Amino acid sequence: MLYALVMFWGCSNNSKSKVALPAAKVYKNPLKVALGDPFVLYDTVSKSYYMYGTGGAKDGFVTYSSADLVNWKNEGQVYWGNTRDSWGISAFWAPEAYSYKGKYYMFYSAQWRQNTRNDAENFKIGVAVSGSPKGPFKDLGDKPLFDPGYPIIDANVFFNTNGKIYLYYSRCCYKHPVKSEIADLVIKKGMYKEIEESWVYGVEIKPDFSGVIGNPVVVLRPPVKLSDSQSEWESRSVLSGEVNRRWTEGSTTFKHNGIYYIMYSANFYGGENYAVGYATSKSPLGPYQKATNNPVLQKNTPKGGEVTGTGHNSIIYSADGQSMYCVYHGRTKASGDERVVFIDRMTINNQGVLQLAGPTTTNQPYPLVH
């Protein structure tokens, strides 16, 4: 914990005296938490923050607690999968926990035990419940929330002001080849035979989280044309020859001044080009318009920094609701392939433009907490 000193001059007995006052506390990224896909919940009962994410436990999830969003305590494992009673058997990813009607609900991704097609990627989304943010979380049922007929990951839940609840998720790239000018270009160059894509979908879900209402709709997908201003940054993994997939995943949705914002990650999640953009809409299910200032979060190594692979973020607000913080994972030279957590400030100006301060590794003022 670092402190700066502020000096001022005063007069005492016709002589000048120096008085040192402590200034605001500061912290540095990355935090001492090694998780991917971090999600932070503020619990009004315990008046504490809880962080969940990918990693930290075998076939399940852990949680960390904090009073200030900077210093975190590992509270241990809170969900156990791959048991006799669980529908998921492996690849437990991207948990998000929400306080709702006196209980805590965790949405997460995992490989479904039922796999009649013997698919290598058979991911679905489940829901578990607990009486405490520290768990233990138990599955609501013996099967996923729903089966759209393709593998899905990265659940994010948005509680609208009119009482409706929406689930956003990413359709996996697996067995989803898509034609585009970007695909045509790399196929013509002989780099790949096809390009697979993941798309973000949205759907209303039942208030008891027992299923969905209506059919999912496509909310976001990678650009089709090379002339699209989003094509370059969303296609870096493909155009650089890193992999034959274009991702749109890790979404998080919120509402600001009557406008719906959805943030999302693009490029290979295991590579240096993972980055974050956003889109806006007047309706929770779109249509969404991607922002002209994308990406708002990306590697800083081209500018002399040490952070790469920035993405899959969540949002947390200050006590007064006026300040926003982006929680995300990244990699540094020190962490290597291990994903570590960052928290940086976000702002939205009067024109509705979202801007993000990160990735930072220099001193930052402590977040304004509850």
Protein backbone atom coordinates (compact mmCIF):
# COMPACT_ATOMS: atom_id res chain seq x y z
CA MET A 1 0.00 0.00 0.00
CA LEU A 2 1.60 3.21 -1.15
CA TYR A 3 1.17 6.75 0.06
CA ALA A 4 2.22 10.04 -1.47
CA LEU A 5 2.99 13.19 0.52
CA VAL A 6 1.44 16.54 -0.12
CA MET A 7 3.36 19.58 1.20
CA PHE A 8 2.09 23.05 1.92
CA TRP A 9 3.61 26.14 3.52
CA GLY A 10 2.10 27.93 6.49
CA CYS A 11 3.19 30.76 8.76
CA SER A 12 4.03 30.19 12.40
CA ASN A 13 5.92 32.67 14.60
CA ASN A 14 7.00 34.59 11.48
CA SER A 15 8.68 31.46 10.10
CA LYS A 16 7.68 29.03 7.43
CA SER A 17 6.83 25.47 8.45
CA LYS A 18 6.25 22.38 6.35
CA VAL A 19 3.30 20.10 7.00
CA ALA A 20 3.06 16.67 5.32
CA LEU A 21 -0.39 15.28 4.58
CA PRO A 22 -1.13 11.77 3.29
CA ALA A 23 -2.62 11.74 -0.19
CA ALA A 24 -4.88 9.14 -1.77
CA LYS A 25 -3.85 5.50 -1.69
CA VAL A 26 -2.71 3.96 -4.93
CA TYR A 27 -2.47 0.45 -6.35
CA LYS A 28 -0.85 -1.22 -9.34
CA ASN A 29 -2.08 -3.76 -11.87
CA PRO A 30 -2.07 -6.66 -12.19
CA LEU A 31 -3.77 -7.64 -8.95
CA LYS A 32 -2.54 -10.65 -7.00
CA VAL A 33 -5.27 -12.87 -8.44
CA ALA A 34 -4.63 -15.45 -11.14
CA LEU A 35 -7.98 -16.04 -12.87
CA GLY A 36 -9.35 -15.83 -16.39
CA ASP A 37 -12.73 -14.31 -17.27
CA PRO A 38 -13.07 -12.41 -13.95
CA PHE A 39 -16.51 -11.39 -12.69
CA VAL A 40 -17.07 -9.25 -9.60
CA LEU A 41 -20.23 -9.20 -7.47
CA TYR A 42 -20.90 -6.66 -4.73
CA ASP A 43 -22.86 -8.31 -1.92
CA THR A 44 -25.08 -5.85 -0.01
CA VAL A 45 -25.51 -8.32 2.87
CA SER A 46 -21.86 -8.89 3.76
CA LYS A 47 -20.81 -5.53 2.30
CA SER A 48 -17.98 -7.26 0.46
CA TYR A 49 -16.91 -7.85 -3.11
CA TYR A 50 -16.59 -11.38 -4.50
CA MET A 51 -14.64 -12.35 -7.58
CA TYR A 52 -15.24 -15.50 -9.63
CA GLY A 53 -13.43 -16.71 -12.73
CA THR A 54 -11.92 -19.54 -14.73
CA GLY A 55 -9.19 -21.43 -12.89
CA GLY A 56 -8.15 -21.93 -9.31
CA ALA A 57 -10.01 -25.23 -8.80
CA LYS A 58 -10.26 -28.65 -10.41
CA ASP A 59 -13.68 -29.17 -12.03
CA GLY A 60 -15.21 -26.12 -10.42
CA PHE A 61 -14.75 -22.57 -9.22
CA VAL A 62 -13.27 -20.60 -6.34
CA THR A 63 -14.14 -17.15 -5.07
CA TYR A 64 -12.03 -14.30 -3.70
CA SER A 65 -13.37 -11.65 -1.30
CA SER A 66 -12.33 -8.01 -0.90
CA ALA A 67 -13.36 -4.86 0.88
CA ASP A 68 -11.59 -2.48 -1.51
CA LEU A 69 -11.37 -4.18 -4.95
CA VAL A 70 -7.56 -4.24 -4.64
CA ASN A 71 -6.65 -6.68 -1.88
CA TRP A 72 -8.27 -10.10 -2.32
CA LYS A 73 -8.56 -13.18 -0.09
CA ASN A 74 -9.01 -16.66 -1.55
CA GLU A 75 -12.14 -18.09 0.10
CA GLY A 76 -11.68 -21.52 -1.47
CA GLN A 77 -13.79 -23.62 -3.80
CA VAL A 78 -17.48 -22.71 -4.04
CA TYR A 79 -18.72 -25.00 -6.83
CA TRP A 80 -17.84 -28.64 -7.60
CA GLY A 81 -18.57 -30.18 -11.00
CA ASN A 82 -17.89 -33.58 -12.56
CA THR A 83 -19.75 -35.30 -9.73
CA ARG A 84 -22.42 -37.99 -9.79
CA ASP A 85 -25.13 -35.33 -9.72
CA SER A 86 -23.64 -32.73 -12.09
CA TRP A 87 -24.43 -32.47 -15.81
CA GLY A 88 -21.00 -30.97 -16.54
CA ILE A 89 -17.93 -33.17 -16.71
CA SER A 90 -15.03 -30.87 -17.67
CA ALA A 91 -13.95 -27.45 -18.96
CA PHE A 92 -15.67 -25.40 -16.26
CA TRP A 93 -15.36 -21.84 -17.48
CA ALA A 94 -16.48 -18.24 -17.02
CA PRO A 95 -18.69 -18.24 -13.89
CA GLU A 96 -20.79 -15.19 -13.10
CA ALA A 97 -22.74 -14.92 -9.82
CA TYR A 98 -25.77 -12.69 -9.22
CA SER A 99 -27.78 -11.80 -6.12
CA TYR A 100 -31.46 -12.32 -6.89
CA LYS A 101 -34.45 -12.56 -4.54
CA GLY A 102 -32.40 -13.44 -1.49
CA LYS A 103 -30.27 -16.11 -3.16
CA TYR A 104 -27.13 -16.23 -5.28
CA TYR A 105 -27.19 -17.74 -8.77
CA MET A 106 -24.09 -18.78 -10.68
CA PHE A 107 -24.16 -19.11 -14.48
CA TYR A 108 -21.24 -21.03 -15.98
CA SER A 109 -20.06 -23.07 -18.98
CA ALA A 110 -18.99 -26.72 -19.05
CA GLN A 111 -18.81 -29.80 -21.27
CA TRP A 112 -22.17 -31.62 -21.17
CA ARG A 113 -22.08 -35.26 -20.14
CA GLN A 114 -24.75 -36.06 -22.75
CA ASN A 115 -22.92 -36.14 -26.09
CA THR A 116 -24.70 -38.30 -28.64
CA ARG A 117 -22.78 -36.74 -31.58
CA ASN A 118 -19.40 -37.26 -29.90
CA ASP A 119 -18.53 -33.60 -30.48
CA ALA A 120 -15.11 -32.45 -29.31
CA GLU A 121 -16.77 -29.22 -28.12
CA ASN A 122 -20.05 -29.94 -26.37
CA PHE A 123 -20.26 -26.88 -24.14
CA LYS A 124 -23.50 -25.74 -22.55
CA ILE A 125 -24.53 -23.27 -19.83
CA GLY A 126 -25.69 -24.25 -16.37
CA VAL A 127 -27.14 -22.50 -13.34
CA ALA A 128 -26.27 -23.21 -9.71
CA VAL A 129 -27.73 -21.66 -6.54
CA SER A 130 -26.47 -20.89 -3.05
CA GLY A 131 -27.55 -19.05 0.08
CA SER A 132 -24.17 -17.32 0.23
CA PRO A 133 -21.73 -15.77 -2.24
CA LYS A 134 -19.15 -18.11 -0.66
CA GLY A 135 -21.20 -21.12 -1.71
CA PRO A 136 -21.53 -23.98 -1.85
CA PHE A 137 -23.37 -23.59 -5.16
CA LYS A 138 -25.58 -26.51 -6.23
CA ASP A 139 -26.97 -27.04 -9.72
CA LEU A 140 -30.64 -26.20 -10.17
CA GLY A 141 -31.11 -29.37 -12.20
CA ASP A 142 -29.38 -32.32 -13.83
CA LYS A 143 -29.11 -30.69 -17.24
CA PRO A 144 -28.02 -27.37 -18.77
CA LEU A 145 -30.24 -24.30 -18.88
CA PHE A 146 -31.14 -25.10 -22.51
CA ASP A 147 -29.74 -26.67 -25.66
CA PRO A 148 -29.78 -24.46 -28.77
CA GLY A 149 -28.30 -27.24 -30.91
CA TYR A 150 -24.70 -25.94 -30.95
CA PRO A 151 -21.99 -25.49 -28.29
CA ILE A 152 -22.24 -22.32 -26.18
CA ILE A 153 -20.09 -20.60 -23.52
CA ASP A 154 -19.63 -17.30 -21.64
CA ALA A 155 -22.99 -16.64 -20.03
CA ASN A 156 -23.81 -13.07 -19.02
CA VAL A 157 -27.14 -12.09 -17.45
CA PHE A 158 -28.76 -8.67 -17.69
CA PHE A 159 -31.63 -7.69 -15.39
CA ASN A 160 -33.59 -5.00 -17.20
CA THR A 161 -35.44 -2.22 -15.40
CA ASN A 162 -38.80 -3.55 -16.68
CA GLY A 163 -38.31 -6.86 -14.86
CA LYS A 164 -37.28 -8.93 -17.87
CA ILE A 165 -34.07 -10.95 -17.66
CA TYR A 166 -31.81 -11.63 -20.62
CA LEU A 167 -29.06 -14.18 -21.18
CA TYR A 168 -26.20 -13.40 -23.54
CA TYR A 169 -23.83 -16.15 -24.63
CA SER A 170 -21.30 -17.01 -27.31
CA ARG A 171 -21.87 -19.70 -29.90
CA CYS A 172 -18.57 -21.56 -30.22
CA CYS A 173 -16.51 -21.48 -33.40
CA TYR A 174 -16.64 -25.30 -33.51
CA LYS A 175 -18.17 -26.59 -36.76
CA HIS A 176 -19.29 -23.05 -37.66
CA PRO A 177 -17.47 -22.08 -40.88
CA VAL A 178 -18.59 -18.68 -42.17
CA LYS A 179 -18.00 -17.05 -45.53
CA SER A 180 -16.64 -13.50 -45.56
CA GLU A 181 -14.19 -11.36 -47.47
CA ILE A 182 -11.69 -11.99 -44.67
CA ALA A 183 -12.14 -15.75 -45.09
CA ASP A 184 -11.83 -15.44 -48.89
CA LEU A 185 -8.56 -13.52 -48.49
CA VAL A 186 -6.79 -16.01 -46.23
CA ILE A 187 -8.13 -19.01 -48.15
CA LYS A 188 -6.81 -17.49 -51.38
CA LYS A 189 -3.41 -17.03 -49.73
CA GLY A 190 -3.43 -20.71 -48.81
CA MET A 191 -3.35 -19.98 -45.08
CA TYR A 192 -6.51 -21.91 -44.22
CA LYS A 193 -9.24 -23.98 -45.87
CA GLU A 194 -12.05 -22.33 -43.90
CA ILE A 195 -12.65 -19.79 -41.15
CA GLU A 196 -14.86 -20.66 -38.20
CA GLU A 197 -16.59 -17.96 -36.16
CA SER A 198 -18.22 -17.50 -32.76
CA TRP A 199 -21.21 -15.17 -32.47
CA VAL A 200 -22.91 -13.57 -29.46
CA TYR A 201 -26.62 -14.33 -29.04
CA GLY A 202 -29.24 -12.94 -26.68
CA VAL A 203 -32.46 -14.49 -25.37
CA GLU A 204 -34.94 -13.76 -22.62
CA ILE A 205 -34.87 -16.28 -19.77
CA LYS A 206 -37.53 -17.36 -17.29
CA PRO A 207 -37.56 -15.63 -13.86
CA ASP A 208 -36.86 -18.95 -12.13
CA PHE A 209 -33.93 -19.67 -14.50
CA SER A 210 -35.51 -22.93 -15.62
CA GLY A 211 -35.29 -22.16 -19.32
CA VAL A 212 -35.52 -19.55 -22.06
CA ILE A 213 -38.42 -17.56 -23.50
CA GLY A 214 -38.54 -17.42 -27.29
CA ASN A 215 -35.69 -18.02 -29.68
CA PRO A 216 -32.15 -16.65 -29.37
CA VAL A 217 -31.20 -13.85 -31.76
CA VAL A 218 -27.75 -12.92 -33.09
CA VAL A 219 -26.53 -9.81 -31.30
CA LEU A 220 -22.92 -9.57 -32.52
CA ARG A 221 -20.73 -11.30 -35.09
CA PRO A 222 -17.39 -10.59 -36.79
CA PRO A 223 -17.38 -8.23 -39.78
CA VAL A 224 -18.04 -9.69 -43.24
CA LYS A 225 -16.31 -7.08 -45.43
CA LEU A 226 -12.67 -6.02 -45.43
CA SER A 227 -13.79 -2.40 -45.73
CA ASP A 228 -15.60 -2.62 -42.38
CA SER A 229 -13.70 -0.48 -39.87
CA GLN A 230 -13.90 -3.33 -37.32
CA SER A 231 -12.35 -5.95 -39.62
CA GLU A 232 -8.69 -5.31 -38.86
CA TRP A 233 -8.80 -5.53 -35.07
CA GLU A 234 -11.36 -8.36 -34.93
CA SER A 235 -9.38 -10.45 -37.43
CA ARG A 236 -5.83 -10.12 -36.09
CA SER A 237 -5.57 -13.77 -35.02
CA VAL A 238 -6.63 -14.93 -38.50
CA LEU A 239 -4.71 -12.38 -40.56
CA SER A 240 -1.50 -13.02 -38.61
CA GLY A 241 -1.76 -16.76 -39.20
CA GLU A 242 -2.30 -17.51 -35.53
CA VAL A 243 -5.47 -19.61 -35.94
CA ASN A 244 -8.37 -20.13 -38.36
CA ARG A 245 -11.03 -18.80 -35.99
CA ARG A 246 -12.63 -15.41 -35.39
CA TRP A 247 -14.12 -15.00 -31.92
CA THR A 248 -16.91 -12.79 -30.61
CA GLU A 249 -17.26 -13.79 -26.96
CA GLY A 250 -16.98 -12.84 -23.30
CA SER A 251 -19.79 -10.29 -23.53
CA THR A 252 -21.14 -8.13 -20.72
CA THR A 253 -24.24 -5.95 -21.02
CA PHE A 254 -25.32 -2.86 -19.07
CA LYS A 255 -27.59 0.16 -19.49
CA HIS A 256 -26.48 3.79 -19.33
CA ASN A 257 -28.69 6.85 -19.92
CA GLY A 258 -31.32 4.72 -21.65
CA ILE A 259 -28.82 3.08 -24.02
CA TYR A 260 -27.81 -0.58 -23.91
CA TYR A 261 -24.07 -1.24 -24.07
CA ILE A 262 -22.56 -4.63 -24.79
CA MET A 263 -18.82 -5.15 -24.43
CA TYR A 264 -17.23 -8.14 -26.13
CA SER A 265 -13.86 -9.77 -26.79
CA ALA A 266 -12.40 -10.71 -30.16
CA ASN A 267 -9.43 -12.80 -31.38
CA PHE A 268 -7.80 -15.91 -29.90
CA TYR A 269 -8.34 -15.99 -26.13
CA GLY A 270 -4.99 -17.72 -25.65
CA GLY A 271 -3.01 -15.24 -27.73
CA GLU A 272 -1.62 -11.73 -27.48
CA ASN A 273 -4.27 -10.16 -29.75
CA TYR A 274 -7.26 -10.72 -27.46
CA ALA A 275 -8.99 -7.33 -27.23
CA VAL A 276 -12.25 -5.67 -26.20
CA GLY A 277 -14.77 -3.58 -28.13
CA TYR A 278 -18.34 -2.47 -27.51
CA ALA A 279 -21.61 -1.79 -29.30
CA THR A 280 -24.79 0.12 -28.43
CA SER A 281 -28.51 -0.27 -29.01
CA LYS A 282 -31.88 1.13 -27.99
CA SER A 283 -33.13 -2.40 -27.27
CA PRO A 284 -31.59 -5.20 -25.16
CA LEU A 285 -31.67 -7.60 -28.12
CA GLY A 286 -30.51 -5.10 -30.70
CA PRO A 287 -29.82 -4.26 -33.37
CA TYR A 288 -26.42 -3.20 -32.00
CA GLN A 289 -24.04 -0.75 -33.65
CA LYS A 290 -20.34 -1.29 -33.01
CA ALA A 291 -18.42 1.75 -31.77
CA THR A 292 -16.07 3.68 -34.03
CA ASN A 293 -13.43 3.91 -31.28
CA ASN A 294 -13.01 0.12 -30.99
CA PRO A 295 -11.01 -1.56 -29.62
CA VAL A 296 -11.20 0.14 -26.25
CA LEU A 297 -8.84 -2.36 -24.60
CA GLN A 298 -5.91 -4.14 -26.24
CA LYS A 299 -2.25 -5.11 -25.73
CA ASN A 300 0.11 -2.23 -24.96
CA THR A 301 3.36 -3.86 -26.08
CA PRO A 302 3.48 -1.84 -29.34
CA LYS A 303 3.72 1.26 -27.13
CA GLY A 304 6.45 -0.16 -24.93
CA GLY A 305 4.18 -1.80 -22.35
CA GLU A 306 4.19 -5.37 -21.07
CA VAL A 307 0.53 -6.43 -21.20
CA THR A 308 -1.06 -8.70 -23.82
CA GLY A 309 -4.16 -10.88 -24.14
CA THR A 310 -6.55 -8.36 -22.53
CA GLY A 311 -10.19 -9.41 -22.49
CA HIS A 312 -13.34 -11.07 -21.14
CA ASN A 313 -14.30 -8.24 -18.82
CA SER A 314 -17.01 -7.46 -16.32
CA ILE A 315 -18.16 -4.13 -14.87
CA ILE A 316 -18.37 -2.91 -11.28
CA TYR A 317 -19.68 0.47 -10.08
CA SER A 318 -18.60 2.85 -7.32
CA ALA A 319 -20.72 3.38 -4.22
CA ASP A 320 -22.49 6.40 -5.71
CA GLY A 321 -22.99 4.68 -9.07
CA GLN A 322 -21.12 7.44 -10.87
CA SER A 323 -17.78 5.72 -11.44
CA MET A 324 -17.31 2.54 -13.46
CA TYR A 325 -14.49 0.02 -13.31
CA CYS A 326 -13.59 -2.61 -15.86
CA VAL A 327 -12.40 -5.94 -14.45
CA TYR A 328 -10.56 -8.09 -17.00
CA HIS A 329 -7.73 -10.56 -17.42
CA GLY A 330 -4.45 -10.15 -19.25
CA ARG A 331 -0.92 -11.50 -19.37
CA THR A 332 2.37 -9.83 -18.51
CA LYS A 333 6.00 -10.75 -19.03
CA ALA A 334 6.08 -11.92 -15.42
CA SER A 335 2.88 -13.98 -15.58
CA GLY A 336 3.78 -15.68 -18.87
CA ASP A 337 0.87 -17.82 -20.06
CA GLU A 338 -0.98 -17.41 -16.76
CA ARG A 339 -3.90 -14.98 -16.84
CA VAL A 340 -3.97 -12.35 -14.11
CA VAL A 341 -6.63 -9.81 -13.12
CA PHE A 342 -6.63 -6.07 -13.84
CA ILE A 343 -9.05 -3.33 -12.73
CA ASP A 344 -9.11 -0.01 -14.59
CA ARG A 345 -11.42 2.96 -14.77
CA MET A 346 -14.08 3.34 -17.46
CA THR A 347 -15.93 6.48 -18.51
CA ILE A 348 -18.81 7.32 -20.83
CA ASN A 349 -18.90 10.92 -22.05
CA ASN A 350 -21.92 13.07 -22.87
CA GLN A 351 -21.93 11.73 -26.43
CA GLY A 352 -22.17 8.17 -25.16
CA VAL A 353 -18.59 7.25 -26.05
CA LEU A 354 -17.09 4.60 -23.77
CA GLN A 355 -13.41 4.89 -22.93
CA LEU A 356 -11.19 2.64 -20.85
CA ALA A 357 -7.95 3.65 -19.10
CA GLY A 358 -6.25 0.26 -19.33
CA PRO A 359 -4.22 -1.70 -19.46
CA THR A 360 -2.34 0.15 -16.73
CA THR A 361 0.65 -1.06 -14.73
CA THR A 362 1.49 2.27 -13.08
CA ASN A 363 0.12 3.72 -9.84
CA GLN A 364 -3.65 4.24 -9.92
CA PRO A 365 -5.95 5.82 -7.30
CA TYR A 366 -7.87 3.29 -5.24
CA PRO A 367 -11.37 2.58 -6.56
CA LEU A 368 -14.30 4.37 -4.91
CA VAL A 369 -15.95 1.50 -3.06
CA HIS A 370 -19.12 0.91 -1.08
